[in-house]
N, C-alpha and C. Protein backbone atom coordinates (compact mmCIF):
# COMPACT_ATOMS: atom_id res chain seq x y z
N MET A 1 98.47 68.01 93.40
CA MET A 1 98.52 69.09 94.35
C MET A 1 98.88 70.38 93.63
N SER A 2 98.17 71.47 93.94
CA SER A 2 98.48 72.75 93.32
C SER A 2 99.57 73.45 94.12
N GLU A 3 100.37 74.20 93.40
CA GLU A 3 101.46 74.94 94.04
C GLU A 3 100.90 76.16 94.75
N SER A 4 101.27 76.34 96.00
CA SER A 4 100.78 77.47 96.79
C SER A 4 101.61 78.71 96.45
N LYS A 5 100.93 79.82 96.20
CA LYS A 5 101.61 81.07 95.91
C LYS A 5 101.59 81.93 97.16
N PHE A 6 102.76 82.19 97.70
CA PHE A 6 102.86 83.03 98.89
C PHE A 6 103.73 84.22 98.55
N HIS A 7 103.20 85.40 98.66
CA HIS A 7 103.91 86.60 98.26
C HIS A 7 104.84 87.07 99.38
N PRO A 8 106.07 87.54 99.04
CA PRO A 8 107.03 87.98 100.08
C PRO A 8 106.52 89.15 100.93
N ALA A 9 105.66 89.99 100.40
CA ALA A 9 105.16 91.12 101.18
C ALA A 9 104.32 90.66 102.36
N LEU A 10 103.78 89.47 102.28
CA LEU A 10 102.94 88.96 103.36
C LEU A 10 103.75 88.47 104.55
N THR A 11 105.07 88.43 104.41
CA THR A 11 105.93 87.98 105.51
C THR A 11 106.31 89.11 106.47
N VAL A 12 106.02 90.35 106.12
CA VAL A 12 106.40 91.49 106.94
C VAL A 12 105.39 91.66 108.07
N ASN A 13 105.87 91.48 109.30
CA ASN A 13 104.99 91.62 110.46
C ASN A 13 105.05 93.01 111.08
N ILE A 14 106.26 93.53 111.20
CA ILE A 14 106.43 94.82 111.87
C ILE A 14 107.21 95.74 110.94
N ILE A 15 106.51 96.59 110.23
CA ILE A 15 107.12 97.48 109.25
C ILE A 15 108.07 98.48 109.91
N LYS A 16 107.78 98.89 111.15
CA LYS A 16 108.61 99.89 111.83
C LYS A 16 110.00 99.34 112.14
N ALA A 17 110.17 98.02 112.13
CA ALA A 17 111.49 97.45 112.32
C ALA A 17 112.34 97.62 111.06
N ILE A 18 111.66 97.74 109.91
CA ILE A 18 112.36 97.86 108.63
C ILE A 18 112.48 99.32 108.21
N ILE A 19 111.43 100.11 108.47
CA ILE A 19 111.44 101.54 108.17
C ILE A 19 111.31 102.26 109.52
N PRO A 20 112.45 102.55 110.16
CA PRO A 20 112.41 103.09 111.52
C PRO A 20 112.00 104.55 111.62
N ILE A 21 111.86 105.23 110.49
CA ILE A 21 111.49 106.65 110.49
C ILE A 21 109.98 106.78 110.46
N THR A 22 109.47 107.65 111.32
CA THR A 22 108.06 108.03 111.23
C THR A 22 108.04 109.36 110.49
N PHE A 23 107.43 109.37 109.32
CA PHE A 23 107.40 110.59 108.52
C PHE A 23 106.49 111.61 109.19
N GLU A 24 107.09 112.74 109.56
CA GLU A 24 106.37 113.87 110.14
C GLU A 24 106.68 115.08 109.30
N MET A 25 105.68 115.86 109.02
CA MET A 25 105.86 117.02 108.15
C MET A 25 106.88 118.02 108.72
N GLU A 26 106.87 118.19 110.02
CA GLU A 26 107.74 119.20 110.63
C GLU A 26 109.22 118.88 110.51
N ASN A 27 109.55 117.60 110.35
CA ASN A 27 110.96 117.21 110.34
C ASN A 27 111.56 117.06 108.94
N ASP A 28 110.80 117.35 107.92
CA ASP A 28 111.30 117.31 106.55
C ASP A 28 112.00 116.00 106.21
N GLN A 29 111.37 114.91 106.57
CA GLN A 29 111.96 113.60 106.34
C GLN A 29 111.38 112.91 105.11
N TYR A 30 110.58 113.60 104.34
CA TYR A 30 109.88 112.94 103.24
C TYR A 30 110.83 112.19 102.32
N SER A 31 111.87 112.83 101.85
CA SER A 31 112.78 112.18 100.89
C SER A 31 113.41 110.92 101.46
N THR A 32 113.86 111.00 102.70
CA THR A 32 114.48 109.83 103.34
C THR A 32 113.44 108.73 103.54
N TRP A 33 112.28 109.12 104.07
CA TRP A 33 111.21 108.15 104.31
C TRP A 33 110.78 107.50 102.99
N ALA A 34 110.57 108.31 101.97
CA ALA A 34 110.11 107.78 100.68
C ALA A 34 111.14 106.83 100.07
N GLU A 35 112.41 107.17 100.17
CA GLU A 35 113.44 106.30 99.61
C GLU A 35 113.50 104.97 100.36
N LEU A 36 113.46 105.01 101.68
CA LEU A 36 113.44 103.76 102.46
C LEU A 36 112.20 102.93 102.10
N PHE A 37 111.08 103.60 101.95
CA PHE A 37 109.84 102.91 101.64
C PHE A 37 109.91 102.25 100.26
N LYS A 38 110.45 102.98 99.28
CA LYS A 38 110.55 102.43 97.93
C LYS A 38 111.50 101.23 97.89
N VAL A 39 112.60 101.31 98.60
CA VAL A 39 113.54 100.18 98.65
C VAL A 39 112.84 98.95 99.24
N HIS A 40 112.12 99.17 100.31
CA HIS A 40 111.40 98.06 100.95
C HIS A 40 110.33 97.50 100.02
N ALA A 41 109.57 98.37 99.39
CA ALA A 41 108.52 97.91 98.47
C ALA A 41 109.12 97.15 97.28
N ARG A 42 110.24 97.64 96.77
CA ARG A 42 110.90 96.96 95.65
C ARG A 42 111.39 95.58 96.09
N SER A 43 111.97 95.49 97.28
CA SER A 43 112.51 94.21 97.74
C SER A 43 111.42 93.18 98.03
N HIS A 44 110.20 93.67 98.26
CA HIS A 44 109.08 92.76 98.51
C HIS A 44 108.11 92.67 97.33
N LYS A 45 108.58 93.17 96.18
CA LYS A 45 107.86 93.05 94.91
C LYS A 45 106.46 93.68 94.91
N VAL A 46 106.37 94.87 95.54
CA VAL A 46 105.09 95.59 95.56
C VAL A 46 105.27 97.06 95.19
N LEU A 47 106.39 97.41 94.58
CA LEU A 47 106.64 98.81 94.20
C LEU A 47 105.55 99.34 93.29
N HIS A 48 104.99 98.49 92.44
CA HIS A 48 103.94 98.91 91.51
C HIS A 48 102.65 99.33 92.23
N HIS A 49 102.57 99.09 93.52
CA HIS A 49 101.40 99.53 94.29
C HIS A 49 101.50 101.00 94.69
N ILE A 50 102.72 101.58 94.60
CA ILE A 50 102.87 103.00 94.94
C ILE A 50 103.37 103.84 93.77
N ILE A 51 104.05 103.21 92.83
CA ILE A 51 104.60 103.93 91.68
C ILE A 51 104.18 103.18 90.41
N SER A 52 103.58 103.91 89.48
CA SER A 52 103.14 103.28 88.23
C SER A 52 104.33 102.70 87.48
N PRO A 53 104.23 101.45 87.06
CA PRO A 53 105.34 100.85 86.31
C PRO A 53 105.52 101.52 84.95
N LYS A 54 106.75 101.52 84.46
CA LYS A 54 107.05 102.14 83.17
C LYS A 54 106.45 101.35 82.01
N LYS A 55 106.44 100.03 82.14
CA LYS A 55 105.83 99.23 81.08
C LYS A 55 104.44 98.77 81.52
N LYS A 56 103.61 98.52 80.56
CA LYS A 56 102.23 98.16 80.83
C LYS A 56 102.16 96.80 81.53
N VAL A 57 101.40 96.76 82.60
CA VAL A 57 101.23 95.53 83.36
C VAL A 57 100.00 94.80 82.81
N PRO A 58 100.12 93.48 82.64
CA PRO A 58 98.96 92.74 82.13
C PRO A 58 97.78 92.85 83.11
N ALA A 59 96.59 92.88 82.56
CA ALA A 59 95.38 92.98 83.38
C ALA A 59 95.22 91.73 84.23
N LEU A 60 94.65 91.92 85.40
CA LEU A 60 94.38 90.78 86.27
C LEU A 60 93.22 90.00 85.68
N SER A 61 93.44 88.71 85.47
CA SER A 61 92.43 87.95 84.76
C SER A 61 91.58 87.05 85.65
N THR A 62 92.14 86.52 86.69
CA THR A 62 91.37 85.61 87.53
C THR A 62 90.97 86.28 88.83
N ASP A 63 89.96 85.71 89.45
CA ASP A 63 89.53 86.22 90.76
C ASP A 63 90.65 86.08 91.79
N GLU A 64 91.43 85.01 91.66
CA GLU A 64 92.55 84.79 92.57
C GLU A 64 93.59 85.90 92.42
N GLU A 65 93.91 86.30 91.20
CA GLU A 65 94.87 87.38 90.96
C GLU A 65 94.33 88.71 91.50
N LYS A 66 93.05 88.96 91.29
CA LYS A 66 92.44 90.20 91.78
C LYS A 66 92.44 90.24 93.31
N GLU A 67 92.18 89.10 93.94
CA GLU A 67 92.18 89.01 95.39
C GLU A 67 93.58 89.23 95.96
N LEU A 68 94.58 88.63 95.32
CA LEU A 68 95.96 88.83 95.76
C LEU A 68 96.37 90.30 95.61
N TRP A 69 96.03 90.92 94.46
CA TRP A 69 96.36 92.32 94.27
C TRP A 69 95.72 93.18 95.36
N SER A 70 94.46 92.92 95.66
CA SER A 70 93.74 93.68 96.68
C SER A 70 94.37 93.49 98.06
N THR A 71 94.75 92.27 98.36
CA THR A 71 95.39 91.97 99.65
C THR A 71 96.73 92.68 99.76
N LEU A 72 97.55 92.59 98.71
CA LEU A 72 98.86 93.25 98.72
C LEU A 72 98.72 94.76 98.81
N ASP A 73 97.74 95.33 98.13
CA ASP A 73 97.52 96.77 98.20
C ASP A 73 97.17 97.18 99.63
N ALA A 74 96.34 96.38 100.30
CA ALA A 74 95.99 96.66 101.69
C ALA A 74 97.21 96.57 102.60
N VAL A 75 98.10 95.61 102.32
CA VAL A 75 99.34 95.48 103.10
C VAL A 75 100.19 96.73 102.93
N VAL A 76 100.40 97.16 101.69
CA VAL A 76 101.23 98.35 101.41
C VAL A 76 100.57 99.59 102.01
N LEU A 77 99.28 99.71 101.91
CA LEU A 77 98.57 100.84 102.51
C LEU A 77 98.77 100.84 104.03
N GLY A 78 98.72 99.67 104.63
CA GLY A 78 98.99 99.55 106.07
C GLY A 78 100.40 99.97 106.42
N TRP A 79 101.37 99.63 105.55
CA TRP A 79 102.75 100.07 105.77
C TRP A 79 102.83 101.58 105.76
N ILE A 80 102.16 102.20 104.80
CA ILE A 80 102.17 103.67 104.72
C ILE A 80 101.58 104.26 105.99
N TYR A 81 100.40 103.80 106.35
CA TYR A 81 99.72 104.34 107.54
C TYR A 81 100.54 104.13 108.81
N SER A 82 101.29 103.04 108.88
CA SER A 82 102.07 102.72 110.09
C SER A 82 103.36 103.51 110.20
N THR A 83 103.78 104.15 109.12
CA THR A 83 105.08 104.83 109.15
C THR A 83 104.96 106.34 109.00
N ILE A 84 103.76 106.88 109.17
CA ILE A 84 103.57 108.33 109.13
C ILE A 84 102.98 108.80 110.44
N SER A 85 103.13 110.08 110.72
CA SER A 85 102.60 110.65 111.97
C SER A 85 101.07 110.62 111.96
N HIS A 86 100.51 110.72 113.15
CA HIS A 86 99.05 110.73 113.26
C HIS A 86 98.44 111.91 112.49
N ASP A 87 99.09 113.06 112.55
CA ASP A 87 98.57 114.23 111.83
C ASP A 87 98.49 113.97 110.33
N LEU A 88 99.54 113.38 109.77
CA LEU A 88 99.52 113.05 108.34
C LEU A 88 98.50 111.96 108.03
N LEU A 89 98.40 110.99 108.93
CA LEU A 89 97.43 109.93 108.73
C LEU A 89 96.02 110.50 108.64
N TYR A 90 95.67 111.38 109.58
CA TYR A 90 94.33 111.97 109.57
C TYR A 90 94.11 112.84 108.33
N THR A 91 95.19 113.37 107.78
CA THR A 91 95.09 114.22 106.59
C THR A 91 94.85 113.40 105.32
N ILE A 92 95.51 112.24 105.21
CA ILE A 92 95.44 111.50 103.95
C ILE A 92 94.44 110.35 103.93
N ILE A 93 94.00 109.91 105.09
CA ILE A 93 93.16 108.70 105.11
C ILE A 93 91.80 108.98 104.47
N GLU A 94 91.40 108.09 103.59
CA GLU A 94 90.10 108.18 102.91
C GLU A 94 89.55 106.77 102.76
N PRO A 95 88.23 106.62 102.84
CA PRO A 95 87.65 105.28 102.68
C PRO A 95 87.98 104.68 101.30
N ASP A 96 88.23 103.40 101.30
CA ASP A 96 88.47 102.63 100.07
C ASP A 96 89.63 103.17 99.24
N SER A 97 90.61 103.75 99.89
CA SER A 97 91.78 104.29 99.20
C SER A 97 92.73 103.17 98.82
N THR A 98 93.48 103.38 97.74
CA THR A 98 94.54 102.45 97.38
C THR A 98 95.86 102.98 97.92
N ALA A 99 96.85 102.12 97.94
CA ALA A 99 98.18 102.52 98.41
C ALA A 99 98.74 103.64 97.53
N MET A 100 98.53 103.54 96.22
CA MET A 100 99.05 104.56 95.31
C MET A 100 98.37 105.91 95.55
N GLU A 101 97.08 105.91 95.83
CA GLU A 101 96.38 107.17 96.12
C GLU A 101 96.92 107.81 97.40
N ALA A 102 97.16 107.00 98.43
CA ALA A 102 97.71 107.52 99.69
C ALA A 102 99.13 108.03 99.46
N TRP A 103 99.93 107.28 98.70
CA TRP A 103 101.30 107.68 98.36
C TRP A 103 101.30 109.04 97.65
N ASP A 104 100.42 109.17 96.67
CA ASP A 104 100.34 110.42 95.91
C ASP A 104 99.86 111.58 96.77
N ARG A 105 98.95 111.34 97.69
CA ARG A 105 98.50 112.42 98.59
C ARG A 105 99.65 112.90 99.47
N LEU A 106 100.46 111.97 99.98
CA LEU A 106 101.62 112.36 100.79
C LEU A 106 102.62 113.16 99.97
N LYS A 107 102.87 112.71 98.76
CA LYS A 107 103.79 113.41 97.86
C LYS A 107 103.28 114.83 97.58
N ASP A 108 101.98 114.96 97.33
CA ASP A 108 101.39 116.28 97.07
C ASP A 108 101.51 117.20 98.28
N ILE A 109 101.26 116.67 99.46
CA ILE A 109 101.39 117.48 100.69
C ILE A 109 102.81 117.97 100.84
N PHE A 110 103.77 117.07 100.62
CA PHE A 110 105.16 117.45 100.73
C PHE A 110 105.51 118.53 99.72
N GLN A 111 105.11 118.35 98.47
CA GLN A 111 105.45 119.31 97.43
C GLN A 111 104.75 120.64 97.65
N ASP A 112 103.51 120.63 98.16
CA ASP A 112 102.79 121.88 98.43
C ASP A 112 103.48 122.70 99.52
N ASN A 113 104.08 122.03 100.50
CA ASN A 113 104.72 122.73 101.61
C ASN A 113 106.21 122.94 101.40
N GLN A 114 106.74 122.43 100.33
CA GLN A 114 108.17 122.45 100.10
C GLN A 114 108.76 123.86 100.06
N ASN A 115 108.16 124.77 99.33
CA ASN A 115 108.72 126.12 99.22
C ASN A 115 108.70 126.87 100.55
N SER A 116 107.62 126.73 101.29
CA SER A 116 107.57 127.42 102.59
C SER A 116 108.59 126.82 103.55
N ARG A 117 108.82 125.50 103.46
CA ARG A 117 109.84 124.86 104.31
C ARG A 117 111.23 125.35 103.94
N VAL A 118 111.50 125.55 102.65
CA VAL A 118 112.80 126.05 102.22
C VAL A 118 113.05 127.41 102.85
N VAL A 119 112.07 128.30 102.80
CA VAL A 119 112.23 129.65 103.36
C VAL A 119 112.52 129.56 104.86
N THR A 120 111.74 128.77 105.57
CA THR A 120 111.91 128.63 107.02
C THR A 120 113.27 128.04 107.37
N LEU A 121 113.64 126.97 106.67
CA LEU A 121 114.92 126.32 106.95
C LEU A 121 116.11 127.20 106.58
N GLU A 122 116.01 127.94 105.48
CA GLU A 122 117.08 128.87 105.09
C GLU A 122 117.29 129.93 106.18
N TYR A 123 116.19 130.44 106.71
CA TYR A 123 116.27 131.45 107.78
C TYR A 123 116.96 130.85 109.00
N GLU A 124 116.51 129.66 109.41
CA GLU A 124 117.12 129.01 110.57
C GLU A 124 118.60 128.73 110.34
N PHE A 125 118.93 128.22 109.15
CA PHE A 125 120.33 127.91 108.84
C PHE A 125 121.19 129.16 108.89
N SER A 126 120.74 130.22 108.27
CA SER A 126 121.52 131.46 108.19
C SER A 126 121.64 132.17 109.53
N ASN A 127 120.73 131.92 110.44
CA ASN A 127 120.73 132.63 111.72
C ASN A 127 121.12 131.77 112.91
N THR A 128 121.64 130.58 112.67
CA THR A 128 122.09 129.72 113.76
C THR A 128 123.46 130.19 114.22
N GLN A 129 123.57 130.44 115.50
CA GLN A 129 124.81 130.91 116.12
C GLN A 129 125.20 129.97 117.26
N MET A 130 126.48 129.78 117.48
CA MET A 130 126.93 128.89 118.54
C MET A 130 126.49 129.39 119.92
N GLU A 131 126.38 130.68 120.09
CA GLU A 131 125.98 131.22 121.39
C GLU A 131 124.55 130.82 121.78
N ASP A 132 123.76 130.33 120.82
CA ASP A 132 122.40 129.91 121.10
C ASP A 132 122.32 128.54 121.78
N PHE A 133 123.46 127.87 121.92
CA PHE A 133 123.48 126.53 122.49
C PHE A 133 123.99 126.56 123.92
N PRO A 134 123.41 125.74 124.79
CA PRO A 134 123.78 125.76 126.21
C PRO A 134 125.27 125.49 126.41
N GLN A 135 125.80 126.11 127.43
CA GLN A 135 127.23 125.97 127.69
C GLN A 135 127.51 124.68 128.45
N MET A 136 128.66 124.12 128.10
CA MET A 136 129.20 122.99 128.84
C MET A 136 130.48 123.52 129.47
N GLU A 137 130.54 123.54 130.79
CA GLU A 137 131.64 124.14 131.54
C GLU A 137 131.75 125.61 131.13
N ASP A 138 132.88 126.03 130.56
CA ASP A 138 133.06 127.44 130.20
C ASP A 138 132.89 127.69 128.70
N PHE A 139 132.53 126.68 127.94
CA PHE A 139 132.45 126.83 126.48
C PHE A 139 131.05 126.51 125.97
N PRO A 140 130.63 127.22 124.94
CA PRO A 140 129.35 126.86 124.32
C PRO A 140 129.43 125.43 123.78
N ASN A 141 128.31 124.82 123.61
CA ASN A 141 128.26 123.44 123.15
C ASN A 141 128.51 123.38 121.64
N ALA A 142 129.78 123.23 121.27
CA ALA A 142 130.19 123.23 119.87
C ALA A 142 129.61 122.03 119.12
N LEU A 143 129.54 120.89 119.78
CA LEU A 143 129.01 119.70 119.12
C LEU A 143 127.53 119.90 118.75
N ALA A 144 126.74 120.42 119.67
CA ALA A 144 125.32 120.66 119.40
C ALA A 144 125.16 121.68 118.27
N TYR A 145 126.00 122.70 118.27
CA TYR A 145 125.97 123.73 117.22
C TYR A 145 126.26 123.10 115.85
N CYS A 146 127.32 122.30 115.76
CA CYS A 146 127.67 121.66 114.49
C CYS A 146 126.58 120.68 114.04
N GLN A 147 126.04 119.93 114.98
CA GLN A 147 124.98 118.98 114.65
C GLN A 147 123.73 119.70 114.14
N ARG A 148 123.41 120.84 114.73
CA ARG A 148 122.23 121.59 114.28
C ARG A 148 122.42 122.11 112.86
N LEU A 149 123.59 122.64 112.57
CA LEU A 149 123.86 123.11 111.21
C LEU A 149 123.79 121.96 110.21
N LYS A 150 124.36 120.81 110.56
CA LYS A 150 124.32 119.65 109.67
C LYS A 150 122.88 119.18 109.49
N SER A 151 122.11 119.17 110.55
CA SER A 151 120.70 118.75 110.47
C SER A 151 119.92 119.69 109.55
N LEU A 152 120.12 120.99 109.71
CA LEU A 152 119.43 121.96 108.85
C LEU A 152 119.88 121.79 107.40
N SER A 153 121.17 121.54 107.20
CA SER A 153 121.69 121.31 105.85
C SER A 153 121.03 120.07 105.22
N ASP A 154 120.91 119.01 105.99
CA ASP A 154 120.26 117.78 105.49
C ASP A 154 118.79 118.02 105.18
N GLN A 155 118.11 118.78 106.04
CA GLN A 155 116.70 119.08 105.80
C GLN A 155 116.52 119.93 104.54
N LEU A 156 117.42 120.88 104.34
CA LEU A 156 117.36 121.68 103.11
C LEU A 156 117.56 120.82 101.87
N LYS A 157 118.48 119.87 101.96
CA LYS A 157 118.69 118.94 100.84
C LYS A 157 117.41 118.15 100.56
N ASN A 158 116.73 117.72 101.63
CA ASN A 158 115.51 116.94 101.48
C ASN A 158 114.36 117.71 100.85
N VAL A 159 114.41 119.04 100.92
CA VAL A 159 113.35 119.84 100.31
C VAL A 159 113.83 120.49 99.01
N GLY A 160 114.91 119.97 98.46
CA GLY A 160 115.36 120.40 97.15
C GLY A 160 116.20 121.67 97.14
N ALA A 161 116.77 122.04 98.28
CA ALA A 161 117.62 123.23 98.35
C ALA A 161 118.93 122.87 99.05
N PRO A 162 119.76 122.05 98.39
CA PRO A 162 120.97 121.58 99.05
C PRO A 162 121.95 122.69 99.38
N VAL A 163 122.67 122.48 100.48
CA VAL A 163 123.71 123.41 100.93
C VAL A 163 125.04 122.76 100.58
N ASP A 164 125.87 123.47 99.81
CA ASP A 164 127.17 122.85 99.48
C ASP A 164 128.11 122.98 100.68
N ASN A 165 129.18 122.20 100.66
CA ASN A 165 130.10 122.15 101.80
C ASN A 165 130.74 123.50 102.09
N ASN A 166 131.05 124.29 101.06
CA ASN A 166 131.64 125.61 101.28
C ASN A 166 130.71 126.49 102.09
N ARG A 167 129.44 126.50 101.72
CA ARG A 167 128.47 127.33 102.45
C ARG A 167 128.30 126.83 103.88
N LEU A 168 128.30 125.52 104.05
CA LEU A 168 128.17 124.94 105.39
C LEU A 168 129.33 125.37 106.27
N VAL A 169 130.54 125.30 105.75
CA VAL A 169 131.73 125.72 106.51
C VAL A 169 131.68 127.22 106.81
N LEU A 170 131.30 128.03 105.82
CA LEU A 170 131.21 129.48 106.04
C LEU A 170 130.19 129.80 107.12
N GLN A 171 129.04 129.15 107.11
CA GLN A 171 128.04 129.39 108.14
C GLN A 171 128.53 128.95 109.49
N LEU A 172 129.21 127.82 109.54
CA LEU A 172 129.75 127.32 110.79
C LEU A 172 130.73 128.32 111.38
N VAL A 173 131.64 128.82 110.56
CA VAL A 173 132.65 129.76 111.02
C VAL A 173 132.03 131.10 111.41
N SER A 174 131.08 131.57 110.62
CA SER A 174 130.49 132.89 110.91
C SER A 174 129.63 132.88 112.17
N GLY A 175 129.18 131.71 112.59
CA GLY A 175 128.36 131.62 113.79
C GLY A 175 129.13 131.36 115.07
N LEU A 176 130.47 131.26 114.96
CA LEU A 176 131.28 130.99 116.14
C LEU A 176 131.31 132.20 117.08
N THR A 177 131.55 131.94 118.34
CA THR A 177 131.70 133.01 119.32
C THR A 177 133.16 133.46 119.35
N GLU A 178 133.43 134.57 120.03
CA GLU A 178 134.80 135.07 120.14
C GLU A 178 135.71 134.03 120.81
N ALA A 179 135.19 133.35 121.81
CA ALA A 179 135.99 132.35 122.53
C ALA A 179 136.40 131.23 121.61
């Protein structure tokens, strides 16, 4: 009897249960999404389908190995397609694409838009004021204000423009109302 080879990546039925983030360009989630995706790909032994390995991989020699590689690549490509927004899907999808090609197209889109996102997010961060948030009873919504500043800070970090804690505190204080 021959030993059956079953790859761990073939056991994943619902990728959204493992990667709960849907990558959308507007939300600047690329870094978080990509890191979760890489961890998942590494744990299922398919990281080489999205990131070129540092050491040379032996060539596929048998038809069985080539078929398994093709199947695994289709699985990883399906994971990518299932965890991105429809707009991004329509932007990157191409016939006969590999998972690595789709991964690289997403990375390129993110990097192409990165500088404009930094400018937009910096403006929003610097101009966020507590008075812009709906009032609860007689006070502005301080929790929503703090959460928005933290969210903008996290988004700036994701696009390569981190906000240090001192700046975050200064912005928080400068945006407070007189009350």
